N, C-alpha and C. Protein backbone atom coordinates (compact mmCIF):
# COMPACT_ATOMS: atom_id res chain seq x y z
N MET A 1 0.38 -1.47 0.40
CA MET A 1 -0.22 -0.18 0.42
C MET A 1 0.80 1.04 0.21
N ARG A 2 0.56 2.32 -0.76
CA ARG A 2 1.50 2.89 -1.15
C ARG A 2 0.86 4.56 -0.21
N ILE A 3 1.67 5.46 0.25
CA ILE A 3 0.95 6.26 1.38
C ILE A 3 1.15 7.12 0.82
N LEU A 4 0.58 8.27 0.96
CA LEU A 4 1.39 9.57 0.71
C LEU A 4 0.90 11.13 2.15
N PHE A 5 1.32 11.67 2.38
CA PHE A 5 1.76 12.18 3.63
C PHE A 5 1.25 13.63 3.68
N LEU A 6 0.42 14.15 3.86
CA LEU A 6 0.64 15.82 3.21
C LEU A 6 0.64 16.70 5.21
N GLY A 7 1.75 17.16 4.81
CA GLY A 7 1.43 18.60 6.35
C GLY A 7 2.78 19.60 5.79
N SER A 8 3.00 20.87 6.80
CA SER A 8 3.94 21.04 6.72
C SER A 8 4.40 21.33 7.96
N GLY A 9 3.84 21.45 9.40
CA GLY A 9 3.55 21.87 10.55
C GLY A 9 4.94 21.18 11.51
N PRO A 10 4.97 21.52 12.62
CA PRO A 10 6.25 20.36 13.49
C PRO A 10 5.12 19.70 14.06
N PHE A 11 4.11 19.46 14.08
CA PHE A 11 2.87 18.55 15.01
C PHE A 11 2.55 17.21 13.50
N GLY A 12 3.03 17.60 13.03
CA GLY A 12 3.05 16.56 11.69
C GLY A 12 3.92 15.06 12.03
N ILE A 13 4.86 15.49 12.38
CA ILE A 13 7.19 14.68 12.35
C ILE A 13 6.47 13.79 13.51
N PRO A 14 5.58 13.59 14.49
CA PRO A 14 5.31 12.12 15.17
C PRO A 14 5.03 11.75 14.37
N THR A 15 3.92 11.67 13.02
CA THR A 15 2.94 10.67 12.97
C THR A 15 4.09 10.41 11.91
N LEU A 16 4.99 11.51 11.01
CA LEU A 16 5.70 11.13 9.66
C LEU A 16 6.43 10.10 10.22
N ARG A 17 7.02 10.07 11.03
CA ARG A 17 8.24 9.40 12.22
C ARG A 17 7.54 7.60 11.80
N ARG A 18 6.40 8.16 13.21
CA ARG A 18 5.36 6.10 12.87
C ARG A 18 5.42 5.31 11.74
N LEU A 19 4.67 6.95 10.15
CA LEU A 19 4.85 5.85 9.23
C LEU A 19 6.11 5.16 8.76
N HIS A 20 6.55 6.69 8.91
CA HIS A 20 8.07 5.51 7.84
C HIS A 20 8.75 4.05 8.89
N SER A 21 8.32 4.98 10.21
CA SER A 21 9.30 2.82 10.98
C SER A 21 7.93 2.03 10.48
N MET A 22 7.06 2.47 9.94
CA MET A 22 6.59 1.05 9.50
C MET A 22 5.68 1.05 7.98
N ARG A 23 6.49 1.43 7.24
CA ARG A 23 6.36 1.68 5.69
C ARG A 23 7.44 1.93 5.20
N GLU A 24 7.93 1.66 4.01
CA GLU A 24 8.46 1.83 3.44
C GLU A 24 7.76 2.54 1.73
N ASP A 25 7.07 2.28 2.06
CA ASP A 25 6.62 3.17 0.89
C ASP A 25 5.10 4.03 0.82
N LEU A 26 6.61 5.20 1.68
CA LEU A 26 5.68 6.60 1.82
C LEU A 26 6.65 7.76 0.61
N ILE A 27 5.30 8.54 0.70
CA ILE A 27 6.00 10.05 -0.47
C ILE A 27 5.03 10.57 0.93
N VAL A 28 5.90 12.63 0.53
CA VAL A 28 5.51 13.16 1.43
C VAL A 28 5.26 14.62 0.45
N ALA A 29 3.74 15.33 0.78
CA ALA A 29 3.95 16.02 0.12
C ALA A 29 3.60 17.15 0.76
N THR A 30 4.75 18.55 0.56
CA THR A 30 4.55 19.89 1.27
C THR A 30 4.97 21.16 0.97
N VAL A 31 4.87 22.14 1.28
CA VAL A 31 4.54 23.13 0.20
C VAL A 31 6.26 23.78 -0.04
N PRO A 32 6.10 24.76 -0.60
CA PRO A 32 7.72 25.28 -1.23
C PRO A 32 8.32 25.62 -0.15
N ASP A 33 9.40 25.86 -0.42
CA ASP A 33 10.70 26.36 0.71
C ASP A 33 9.85 27.59 0.35
N ALA A 34 10.01 28.59 1.35
CA ALA A 34 9.58 29.94 0.98
C ALA A 34 11.03 30.65 2.05
N PRO A 35 10.76 32.38 1.67
CA PRO A 35 11.32 33.05 2.50
C PRO A 35 11.23 33.34 4.18
N SER A 36 12.07 33.62 5.38
CA SER A 36 11.70 33.11 6.63
C SER A 36 12.78 34.41 7.10
N GLY A 37 12.26 34.63 8.79
CA GLY A 37 12.62 35.84 8.85
C GLY A 37 12.79 37.14 8.84
N ARG A 38 13.99 37.79 9.33
CA ARG A 38 14.79 39.22 8.84
C ARG A 38 15.44 39.10 7.68
N GLY A 39 16.18 38.20 6.99
CA GLY A 39 17.52 37.29 6.28
C GLY A 39 16.07 37.54 4.81
N GLN A 40 15.38 37.41 5.69
CA GLN A 40 14.53 36.06 4.44
C GLN A 40 15.03 34.93 3.87
N THR A 41 15.61 34.26 3.97
CA THR A 41 16.45 32.73 3.71
C THR A 41 14.97 31.94 3.85
N GLN A 42 15.85 31.41 2.74
CA GLN A 42 15.04 29.60 2.16
C GLN A 42 14.39 28.90 3.43
N ARG A 43 13.56 28.47 3.59
CA ARG A 43 12.95 28.00 4.94
C ARG A 43 11.82 26.77 4.15
N SER A 44 12.60 25.18 4.56
CA SER A 44 11.93 24.59 3.89
C SER A 44 11.02 24.06 5.59
N SER A 45 9.55 23.85 4.93
CA SER A 45 8.99 23.40 6.22
C SER A 45 9.00 22.07 6.80
N PHE A 46 9.12 21.84 7.94
CA PHE A 46 9.18 21.20 9.52
C PHE A 46 8.91 19.63 8.71
N ILE A 47 8.16 19.71 8.12
CA ILE A 47 8.62 18.52 7.35
C ILE A 47 9.11 18.28 6.39
N LYS A 48 9.23 18.98 5.35
CA LYS A 48 10.11 19.34 4.35
C LYS A 48 11.67 18.42 5.35
N GLN A 49 12.13 18.83 6.00
CA GLN A 49 13.02 18.78 6.49
C GLN A 49 13.40 17.40 7.40
N GLU A 50 12.05 16.95 8.25
CA GLU A 50 12.39 15.15 8.10
C GLU A 50 11.94 13.85 7.58
N ALA A 51 11.77 14.73 6.14
CA ALA A 51 11.14 13.18 5.15
C ALA A 51 12.58 13.63 4.49
N VAL A 52 13.33 14.82 4.89
CA VAL A 52 14.77 14.55 3.93
C VAL A 52 15.73 14.03 5.05
N SER A 53 16.19 14.17 5.58
CA SER A 53 16.35 13.28 6.81
C SER A 53 16.49 11.49 6.93
N LEU A 54 14.78 11.37 6.60
CA LEU A 54 13.81 10.22 6.38
C LEU A 54 14.40 9.51 5.53
N ARG A 55 15.01 10.48 4.04
CA ARG A 55 15.49 9.63 2.99
C ARG A 55 13.94 9.53 2.03
N LEU A 56 13.10 10.23 2.22
CA LEU A 56 11.66 10.29 1.69
C LEU A 56 11.36 10.98 0.62
N GLU A 57 10.86 10.46 -0.30
CA GLU A 57 10.46 11.25 -1.47
C GLU A 57 9.27 12.27 -1.39
N VAL A 58 9.93 13.49 -1.50
CA VAL A 58 9.38 15.15 -0.94
C VAL A 58 7.94 15.61 -2.33
N LEU A 59 7.45 15.95 -2.24
CA LEU A 59 7.10 16.30 -3.66
C LEU A 59 6.15 18.09 -2.97
N GLU A 60 6.35 18.74 -3.93
CA GLU A 60 5.96 20.37 -2.95
C GLU A 60 4.85 20.88 -4.21
N THR A 61 4.41 21.52 -4.34
CA THR A 61 2.85 22.11 -4.11
C THR A 61 2.67 23.81 -3.18
N GLU A 62 1.89 24.74 -4.15
CA GLU A 62 1.26 25.60 -2.93
C GLU A 62 -0.13 25.06 -3.00
N ARG A 63 -0.81 24.59 -3.36
CA ARG A 63 -2.52 23.59 -2.83
C ARG A 63 -2.39 22.69 -3.79
N LEU A 64 -3.47 22.15 -2.85
CA LEU A 64 -3.53 20.92 -3.59
C LEU A 64 -5.05 21.08 -4.68
N ARG A 65 -5.30 21.55 -5.19
CA ARG A 65 -6.56 22.07 -5.29
C ARG A 65 -6.08 22.48 -6.55
N GLY A 66 -6.85 21.75 -7.70
CA GLY A 66 -6.96 22.24 -9.62
C GLY A 66 -5.83 21.23 -9.92
N GLN A 67 -5.18 21.69 -10.52
CA GLN A 67 -4.39 20.97 -11.27
C GLN A 67 -3.04 20.87 -10.89
N GLN A 68 -2.57 21.65 -10.24
CA GLN A 68 -1.20 21.24 -9.79
C GLN A 68 -1.03 19.93 -8.51
N GLY A 69 -1.76 20.05 -7.93
CA GLY A 69 -2.83 19.27 -6.63
C GLY A 69 -2.96 17.78 -7.06
N GLN A 70 -3.99 17.96 -8.43
CA GLN A 70 -3.80 16.79 -9.39
C GLN A 70 -2.66 15.64 -9.90
N GLN A 71 -1.42 16.72 -10.33
CA GLN A 71 -0.22 16.01 -11.05
C GLN A 71 0.25 15.55 -9.55
N ILE A 72 0.10 16.16 -8.55
CA ILE A 72 0.88 15.40 -7.24
C ILE A 72 0.27 14.64 -6.92
N LEU A 73 -1.12 14.22 -6.66
CA LEU A 73 -1.42 12.75 -6.66
C LEU A 73 -1.81 11.93 -7.68
N GLU A 74 -1.73 12.32 -9.45
CA GLU A 74 -1.51 11.43 -10.12
C GLU A 74 -0.21 10.51 -9.69
N HIS A 75 1.32 11.65 -9.46
CA HIS A 75 2.14 11.12 -9.36
C HIS A 75 2.83 9.68 -8.60
N ALA A 76 2.40 10.96 -7.27
CA ALA A 76 2.26 10.00 -5.68
C ALA A 76 1.52 8.65 -6.19
N GLY A 77 0.93 8.21 -7.14
CA GLY A 77 -0.58 7.00 -7.16
C GLY A 77 -0.31 6.38 -5.40
N ALA A 78 -0.45 7.14 -4.65
CA ALA A 78 -1.26 6.20 -3.34
C ALA A 78 -2.68 5.59 -3.38
N ASP A 79 -2.60 5.11 -2.26
CA ASP A 79 -3.78 4.20 -1.98
C ASP A 79 -4.51 5.39 -0.80
N LEU A 80 -4.09 5.40 -0.06
CA LEU A 80 -3.90 6.20 0.82
C LEU A 80 -3.05 7.41 1.38
N VAL A 81 -4.41 8.58 1.57
CA VAL A 81 -3.42 10.24 1.50
C VAL A 81 -3.96 10.19 3.02
N ILE A 82 -3.32 10.51 4.29
CA ILE A 82 -3.11 11.06 5.52
C ILE A 82 -2.22 12.68 5.46
């Protein structure tokens, strides 16, 4: 079963870690890197940082509605979206 995990905030990290420990076929979708702080340096979402450290495939999208979201869902080919 292929799982697509959607998230960006730090509250999703425990769930992502748990899914990773149980499944090998896991893909993560999150928001693209964005400027942050006074220096406006590019910063990845908390979920992306964790997914990269877990060596998971990461897909980025501004929103899931519309064509962009449809492409993410088709690419992932997930049986379950969390």
